[in-house]
Amino acid sequence: MLIISDLDLARIRRLEATQHGDVRSALRTLIESFHEEGEVVPRDGIAGDVVTVNSTVSFRDEPSGTVHQVTLVYPGEVSIAERRISIVSPVGRALLGRRVGSRTMFSMPDGGRREIRVLALDYQPEAAGDSAR
């Protein structure tokens, strides 16, 4: 099950309303996925092992065993050099709302499938009490 804070969902909805084209469509799809298979919880009630927006997370690509650490951000805050990936990228969508230890399979733009496992939540704004994020 996917879990999202009420604040993250509200911010994603506001962002979706200001976007156009592919980004707006991707945000709409993300919102729909949380309505269909997710649970919305109050920001102060989100568990410390759930990947939220602005979380830094370590995950493993299951087939290759490669471990990656990324921070999930809104589309306008992406920085490949800083390993900040968009919540609407395939990997970002796969990570957002997952718990540490969970595995998920998702589709890549080239049609391939990829499986990852969430290994650790290195930083979560809610657990850190960082209300600005």
N, C-alpha and C. Protein backbone atom coordinates (compact mmCIF):
# COMPACT_ATOMS: atom_id res chain seq x y z
N MET A 1 0.83 -1.18 0.00
CA MET A 1 0.00 0.00 0.00
C MET A 1 0.88 1.25 0.00
N LEU A 2 0.45 2.24 -0.73
CA LEU A 2 1.13 3.54 -0.76
C LEU A 2 0.58 4.42 0.35
N ILE A 3 1.46 5.24 0.92
CA ILE A 3 1.05 6.15 1.98
C ILE A 3 1.57 7.54 1.63
N ILE A 4 0.73 8.54 1.77
CA ILE A 4 1.14 9.91 1.49
C ILE A 4 0.57 10.83 2.57
N SER A 5 1.34 11.86 2.89
CA SER A 5 0.83 12.81 3.88
C SER A 5 -0.17 13.74 3.21
N ASP A 6 -1.08 14.24 4.01
CA ASP A 6 -2.07 15.18 3.49
C ASP A 6 -1.39 16.42 2.92
N LEU A 7 -0.30 16.87 3.54
CA LEU A 7 0.42 18.05 3.06
C LEU A 7 1.08 17.78 1.70
N ASP A 8 1.74 16.63 1.55
CA ASP A 8 2.36 16.31 0.26
C ASP A 8 1.31 16.22 -0.83
N LEU A 9 0.19 15.58 -0.56
CA LEU A 9 -0.87 15.45 -1.57
C LEU A 9 -1.43 16.81 -1.94
N ALA A 10 -1.64 17.68 -0.96
CA ALA A 10 -2.16 19.03 -1.23
C ALA A 10 -1.17 19.82 -2.09
N ARG A 11 0.11 19.70 -1.78
CA ARG A 11 1.13 20.41 -2.57
C ARG A 11 1.20 19.87 -4.00
N ILE A 12 1.08 18.57 -4.15
CA ILE A 12 1.09 17.97 -5.49
C ILE A 12 -0.12 18.44 -6.28
N ARG A 13 -1.28 18.51 -5.64
CA ARG A 13 -2.49 19.00 -6.32
C ARG A 13 -2.33 20.45 -6.76
N ARG A 14 -1.78 21.29 -5.88
CA ARG A 14 -1.56 22.70 -6.25
C ARG A 14 -0.56 22.81 -7.40
N LEU A 15 0.48 22.03 -7.36
CA LEU A 15 1.48 22.05 -8.42
C LEU A 15 0.86 21.59 -9.74
N GLU A 16 0.05 20.55 -9.69
CA GLU A 16 -0.60 20.02 -10.89
C GLU A 16 -1.45 21.09 -11.55
N ALA A 17 -2.11 21.92 -10.76
CA ALA A 17 -2.98 22.95 -11.30
C ALA A 17 -2.21 24.05 -12.04
N THR A 18 -0.92 24.17 -11.77
CA THR A 18 -0.12 25.23 -12.42
C THR A 18 0.72 24.73 -13.59
N GLN A 19 0.72 23.44 -13.82
CA GLN A 19 1.58 22.85 -14.85
C GLN A 19 0.81 22.62 -16.16
N HIS A 20 1.56 22.31 -17.21
CA HIS A 20 0.98 22.01 -18.52
C HIS A 20 1.65 20.77 -19.09
N GLY A 21 1.00 20.17 -20.07
CA GLY A 21 1.60 19.09 -20.84
C GLY A 21 1.93 17.85 -20.05
N ASP A 22 3.13 17.30 -20.32
CA ASP A 22 3.55 16.03 -19.74
C ASP A 22 3.67 16.08 -18.22
N VAL A 23 4.17 17.20 -17.70
CA VAL A 23 4.33 17.29 -16.24
C VAL A 23 2.96 17.27 -15.56
N ARG A 24 2.02 18.02 -16.10
CA ARG A 24 0.67 18.03 -15.52
C ARG A 24 0.04 16.64 -15.59
N SER A 25 0.20 15.98 -16.72
CA SER A 25 -0.34 14.63 -16.89
C SER A 25 0.30 13.66 -15.90
N ALA A 26 1.61 13.76 -15.71
CA ALA A 26 2.31 12.87 -14.78
C ALA A 26 1.87 13.13 -13.34
N LEU A 27 1.68 14.38 -12.99
CA LEU A 27 1.20 14.71 -11.64
C LEU A 27 -0.21 14.20 -11.43
N ARG A 28 -1.07 14.32 -12.44
CA ARG A 28 -2.44 13.82 -12.36
C ARG A 28 -2.43 12.30 -12.14
N THR A 29 -1.57 11.59 -12.88
CA THR A 29 -1.45 10.14 -12.73
C THR A 29 -1.00 9.79 -11.32
N LEU A 30 -0.04 10.54 -10.79
CA LEU A 30 0.45 10.30 -9.43
C LEU A 30 -0.67 10.50 -8.41
N ILE A 31 -1.42 11.58 -8.55
CA ILE A 31 -2.55 11.84 -7.65
C ILE A 31 -3.56 10.70 -7.71
N GLU A 32 -3.88 10.26 -8.91
CA GLU A 32 -4.84 9.17 -9.08
C GLU A 32 -4.34 7.88 -8.44
N SER A 33 -3.05 7.61 -8.54
CA SER A 33 -2.51 6.37 -7.96
C SER A 33 -2.68 6.37 -6.44
N PHE A 34 -2.53 7.53 -5.81
CA PHE A 34 -2.72 7.58 -4.36
C PHE A 34 -4.19 7.46 -3.99
N HIS A 35 -5.09 7.95 -4.84
CA HIS A 35 -6.52 7.78 -4.58
C HIS A 35 -6.94 6.33 -4.75
N GLU A 36 -6.34 5.63 -5.71
CA GLU A 36 -6.73 4.26 -6.00
C GLU A 36 -6.11 3.24 -5.06
N GLU A 37 -4.84 3.40 -4.74
CA GLU A 37 -4.16 2.36 -3.97
C GLU A 37 -3.41 2.90 -2.76
N GLY A 38 -3.74 4.11 -2.35
CA GLY A 38 -2.99 4.72 -1.27
C GLY A 38 -3.83 5.09 -0.07
N GLU A 39 -3.13 5.54 0.94
CA GLU A 39 -3.77 6.02 2.15
C GLU A 39 -3.21 7.40 2.44
N VAL A 40 -4.08 8.36 2.67
CA VAL A 40 -3.67 9.72 3.01
C VAL A 40 -3.72 9.84 4.53
N VAL A 41 -2.60 10.26 5.10
CA VAL A 41 -2.53 10.40 6.55
C VAL A 41 -2.08 11.82 6.90
N PRO A 42 -2.45 12.31 8.09
CA PRO A 42 -1.99 13.64 8.50
C PRO A 42 -0.46 13.67 8.54
N ARG A 43 0.11 14.80 8.16
CA ARG A 43 1.57 14.93 8.10
C ARG A 43 2.22 14.53 9.42
N ASP A 44 1.64 14.93 10.54
CA ASP A 44 2.24 14.61 11.83
C ASP A 44 2.01 13.15 12.24
N GLY A 45 1.26 12.41 11.45
CA GLY A 45 1.01 11.00 11.75
C GLY A 45 1.71 10.04 10.80
N ILE A 46 2.52 10.57 9.91
CA ILE A 46 3.19 9.70 8.93
C ILE A 46 4.31 8.93 9.63
N ALA A 47 4.38 7.65 9.37
CA ALA A 47 5.41 6.81 9.99
C ALA A 47 6.80 7.20 9.50
N GLY A 48 7.79 7.00 10.33
CA GLY A 48 9.16 7.37 10.01
C GLY A 48 9.83 6.49 8.98
N ASP A 49 9.15 5.45 8.53
CA ASP A 49 9.75 4.56 7.52
C ASP A 49 9.08 4.69 6.15
N VAL A 50 8.32 5.77 5.94
CA VAL A 50 7.61 6.00 4.68
C VAL A 50 8.32 7.09 3.88
N VAL A 51 8.56 6.82 2.61
CA VAL A 51 9.21 7.79 1.73
C VAL A 51 8.22 8.89 1.38
N THR A 52 8.58 10.13 1.72
CA THR A 52 7.75 11.30 1.44
C THR A 52 8.50 12.25 0.52
N VAL A 53 7.84 13.29 0.07
CA VAL A 53 8.50 14.30 -0.75
C VAL A 53 9.62 14.93 0.08
N ASN A 54 10.76 15.14 -0.53
CA ASN A 54 11.98 15.69 0.08
C ASN A 54 12.70 14.69 0.98
N SER A 55 12.30 13.42 0.95
CA SER A 55 13.04 12.38 1.66
C SER A 55 14.28 12.00 0.87
N THR A 56 15.32 11.61 1.59
CA THR A 56 16.50 11.01 0.98
C THR A 56 16.42 9.52 1.28
N VAL A 57 16.47 8.72 0.24
CA VAL A 57 16.21 7.29 0.36
C VAL A 57 17.29 6.49 -0.36
N SER A 58 17.65 5.37 0.23
CA SER A 58 18.56 4.42 -0.41
C SER A 58 17.72 3.25 -0.90
N PHE A 59 17.99 2.84 -2.14
CA PHE A 59 17.27 1.70 -2.70
C PHE A 59 18.22 0.86 -3.54
N ARG A 60 17.82 -0.38 -3.74
CA ARG A 60 18.63 -1.30 -4.53
C ARG A 60 17.88 -1.70 -5.79
N ASP A 61 18.57 -1.63 -6.91
CA ASP A 61 18.06 -2.19 -8.16
C ASP A 61 18.21 -3.71 -8.00
N GLU A 62 17.12 -4.42 -7.92
CA GLU A 62 17.17 -5.84 -7.60
C GLU A 62 17.95 -6.69 -8.60
N PRO A 63 17.72 -6.53 -9.90
CA PRO A 63 18.47 -7.41 -10.82
C PRO A 63 19.99 -7.21 -10.77
N SER A 64 20.44 -5.96 -10.64
CA SER A 64 21.88 -5.70 -10.68
C SER A 64 22.52 -5.67 -9.30
N GLY A 65 21.73 -5.42 -8.26
CA GLY A 65 22.26 -5.30 -6.91
C GLY A 65 22.85 -3.93 -6.61
N THR A 66 22.78 -3.02 -7.57
CA THR A 66 23.33 -1.68 -7.40
C THR A 66 22.48 -0.88 -6.41
N VAL A 67 23.17 -0.22 -5.47
CA VAL A 67 22.48 0.60 -4.47
C VAL A 67 22.62 2.07 -4.87
N HIS A 68 21.52 2.79 -4.77
CA HIS A 68 21.47 4.21 -5.12
C HIS A 68 20.91 4.98 -3.93
N GLN A 69 21.32 6.24 -3.80
CA GLN A 69 20.73 7.13 -2.81
C GLN A 69 20.28 8.39 -3.55
N VAL A 70 19.00 8.74 -3.40
CA VAL A 70 18.42 9.90 -4.08
C VAL A 70 17.53 10.66 -3.11
N THR A 71 17.26 11.92 -3.47
CA THR A 71 16.28 12.72 -2.75
C THR A 71 15.12 12.97 -3.70
N LEU A 72 13.89 12.71 -3.24
CA LEU A 72 12.69 12.93 -4.06
C LEU A 72 12.25 14.38 -3.94
N VAL A 73 12.10 15.04 -5.08
CA VAL A 73 11.73 16.46 -5.10
C VAL A 73 10.63 16.71 -6.12
N TYR A 74 10.07 17.92 -6.05
CA TYR A 74 9.09 18.33 -7.05
C TYR A 74 9.80 18.57 -8.39
N PRO A 75 9.07 18.48 -9.50
CA PRO A 75 9.71 18.56 -10.83
C PRO A 75 10.64 19.76 -11.04
N GLY A 76 10.34 20.92 -10.53
CA GLY A 76 11.17 22.10 -10.75
C GLY A 76 12.45 22.14 -9.91
N GLU A 77 12.64 21.14 -9.03
CA GLU A 77 13.78 21.13 -8.12
C GLU A 77 14.80 20.04 -8.45
N VAL A 78 14.67 19.43 -9.61
CA VAL A 78 15.53 18.31 -10.01
C VAL A 78 16.97 18.78 -10.21
N SER A 79 17.92 17.97 -9.75
CA SER A 79 19.34 18.19 -9.99
C SER A 79 20.03 16.83 -10.05
N ILE A 80 20.39 16.42 -11.24
CA ILE A 80 21.06 15.12 -11.40
C ILE A 80 22.37 15.12 -10.62
N ALA A 81 23.12 16.22 -10.67
CA ALA A 81 24.41 16.32 -9.97
C ALA A 81 24.25 16.11 -8.47
N GLU A 82 23.14 16.58 -7.91
CA GLU A 82 22.87 16.45 -6.47
C GLU A 82 22.02 15.23 -6.15
N ARG A 83 21.75 14.39 -7.15
CA ARG A 83 20.95 13.17 -6.99
C ARG A 83 19.55 13.48 -6.46
N ARG A 84 18.97 14.57 -6.98
CA ARG A 84 17.61 14.99 -6.64
C ARG A 84 16.72 14.63 -7.84
N ILE A 85 15.84 13.65 -7.62
CA ILE A 85 15.00 13.17 -8.73
C ILE A 85 13.55 13.57 -8.51
N SER A 86 12.84 13.74 -9.61
CA SER A 86 11.46 14.17 -9.57
C SER A 86 10.54 13.06 -9.07
N ILE A 87 9.52 13.49 -8.36
CA ILE A 87 8.49 12.55 -7.90
C ILE A 87 7.70 11.97 -9.07
N VAL A 88 7.78 12.60 -10.25
CA VAL A 88 7.05 12.07 -11.41
C VAL A 88 7.94 11.26 -12.34
N SER A 89 9.23 11.12 -12.02
CA SER A 89 10.09 10.22 -12.80
C SER A 89 9.67 8.78 -12.47
N PRO A 90 10.00 7.82 -13.32
CA PRO A 90 9.62 6.44 -13.00
C PRO A 90 10.12 5.96 -11.63
N VAL A 91 11.37 6.24 -11.31
CA VAL A 91 11.90 5.81 -10.02
C VAL A 91 11.25 6.61 -8.88
N GLY A 92 11.07 7.91 -9.08
CA GLY A 92 10.43 8.74 -8.06
C GLY A 92 9.02 8.27 -7.74
N ARG A 93 8.25 7.97 -8.79
CA ARG A 93 6.88 7.45 -8.58
C ARG A 93 6.91 6.12 -7.85
N ALA A 94 7.90 5.29 -8.18
CA ALA A 94 8.00 3.97 -7.55
C ALA A 94 8.36 4.07 -6.07
N LEU A 95 9.14 5.09 -5.69
CA LEU A 95 9.58 5.23 -4.30
C LEU A 95 8.58 5.95 -3.41
N LEU A 96 7.93 6.98 -3.93
CA LEU A 96 7.05 7.82 -3.12
C LEU A 96 5.92 6.98 -2.50
N GLY A 97 5.81 7.08 -1.18
CA GLY A 97 4.75 6.37 -0.47
C GLY A 97 5.08 4.96 -0.04
N ARG A 98 6.28 4.49 -0.38
CA ARG A 98 6.69 3.13 0.00
C ARG A 98 7.35 3.12 1.37
N ARG A 99 7.28 1.97 2.02
CA ARG A 99 7.93 1.78 3.31
C ARG A 99 9.31 1.14 3.10
N VAL A 100 10.20 1.40 4.04
CA VAL A 100 11.49 0.74 4.04
C VAL A 100 11.25 -0.78 4.05
N GLY A 101 11.97 -1.47 3.20
CA GLY A 101 11.83 -2.92 3.07
C GLY A 101 10.92 -3.35 1.93
N SER A 102 10.10 -2.45 1.42
CA SER A 102 9.18 -2.84 0.36
C SER A 102 9.89 -2.94 -0.99
N ARG A 103 9.35 -3.79 -1.83
CA ARG A 103 9.83 -3.96 -3.20
C ARG A 103 8.71 -3.56 -4.15
N THR A 104 9.10 -3.03 -5.29
CA THR A 104 8.10 -2.68 -6.29
C THR A 104 8.68 -2.85 -7.68
N MET A 105 7.81 -3.18 -8.60
CA MET A 105 8.15 -3.33 -10.01
C MET A 105 7.44 -2.20 -10.74
N PHE A 106 8.15 -1.58 -11.70
CA PHE A 106 7.54 -0.49 -12.45
C PHE A 106 8.08 -0.47 -13.87
N SER A 107 7.37 0.26 -14.73
CA SER A 107 7.74 0.35 -16.15
C SER A 107 8.63 1.56 -16.39
N MET A 108 9.59 1.38 -17.27
CA MET A 108 10.48 2.46 -17.70
C MET A 108 9.97 3.02 -19.03
N PRO A 109 10.39 4.24 -19.39
CA PRO A 109 9.92 4.83 -20.65
C PRO A 109 10.24 3.99 -21.90
N ASP A 110 11.31 3.21 -21.84
CA ASP A 110 11.67 2.38 -23.00
C ASP A 110 10.86 1.08 -23.08
N GLY A 111 9.93 0.90 -22.14
CA GLY A 111 9.09 -0.28 -22.14
C GLY A 111 9.60 -1.39 -21.25
N GLY A 112 10.82 -1.27 -20.77
CA GLY A 112 11.38 -2.27 -19.87
C GLY A 112 10.76 -2.18 -18.48
N ARG A 113 10.99 -3.22 -17.71
CA ARG A 113 10.48 -3.25 -16.33
C ARG A 113 11.68 -3.24 -15.40
N ARG A 114 11.50 -2.66 -14.24
CA ARG A 114 12.58 -2.55 -13.26
C ARG A 114 12.01 -2.86 -11.88
N GLU A 115 12.78 -3.57 -11.09
CA GLU A 115 12.36 -3.87 -9.72
C GLU A 115 13.37 -3.27 -8.75
N ILE A 116 12.84 -2.58 -7.74
CA ILE A 116 13.70 -1.98 -6.72
C ILE A 116 13.19 -2.33 -5.34
N ARG A 117 14.10 -2.23 -4.36
CA ARG A 117 13.74 -2.44 -2.95
C ARG A 117 14.21 -1.21 -2.17
N VAL A 118 13.33 -0.69 -1.33
CA VAL A 118 13.68 0.43 -0.46
C VAL A 118 14.51 -0.12 0.70
N LEU A 119 15.74 0.35 0.80
CA LEU A 119 16.65 -0.15 1.83
C LEU A 119 16.64 0.69 3.11
N ALA A 120 16.66 2.00 2.95
CA ALA A 120 16.74 2.87 4.13
C ALA A 120 16.18 4.25 3.81
N LEU A 121 15.66 4.87 4.81
CA LEU A 121 15.21 6.25 4.71
C LEU A 121 16.25 7.07 5.46
N ASP A 122 17.14 7.70 4.70
CA ASP A 122 18.27 8.40 5.29
C ASP A 122 17.86 9.75 5.87
N TYR A 123 16.80 10.32 5.34
CA TYR A 123 16.25 11.58 5.85
C TYR A 123 14.79 11.65 5.44
N GLN A 124 13.95 12.00 6.40
CA GLN A 124 12.54 12.23 6.12
C GLN A 124 12.16 13.54 6.82
N PRO A 125 11.65 14.54 6.08
CA PRO A 125 11.37 15.83 6.72
C PRO A 125 10.41 15.74 7.90
N GLU A 126 9.43 14.88 7.81
CA GLU A 126 8.45 14.74 8.90
C GLU A 126 9.13 14.22 10.17
N ALA A 127 9.96 13.20 10.04
CA ALA A 127 10.65 12.64 11.21
C ALA A 127 11.67 13.63 11.78
N ALA A 128 12.24 14.48 10.91
CA ALA A 128 13.23 15.47 11.35
C ALA A 128 12.58 16.72 11.92
N GLY A 129 11.24 16.82 11.81
CA GLY A 129 10.55 18.00 12.30
C GLY A 129 10.80 19.22 11.44
N ASP A 130 11.10 18.99 10.18
CA ASP A 130 11.42 20.07 9.25
C ASP A 130 10.14 20.52 8.56
N SER A 131 9.45 21.45 9.15
CA SER A 131 8.15 21.88 8.63
C SER A 131 8.26 22.70 7.36
N ALA A 132 9.46 23.19 7.05
CA ALA A 132 9.62 24.00 5.83
C ALA A 132 9.62 23.14 4.58
N ARG A 133 9.81 21.87 4.71
CA ARG A 133 9.89 21.01 3.54
C ARG A 133 8.59 20.37 3.34
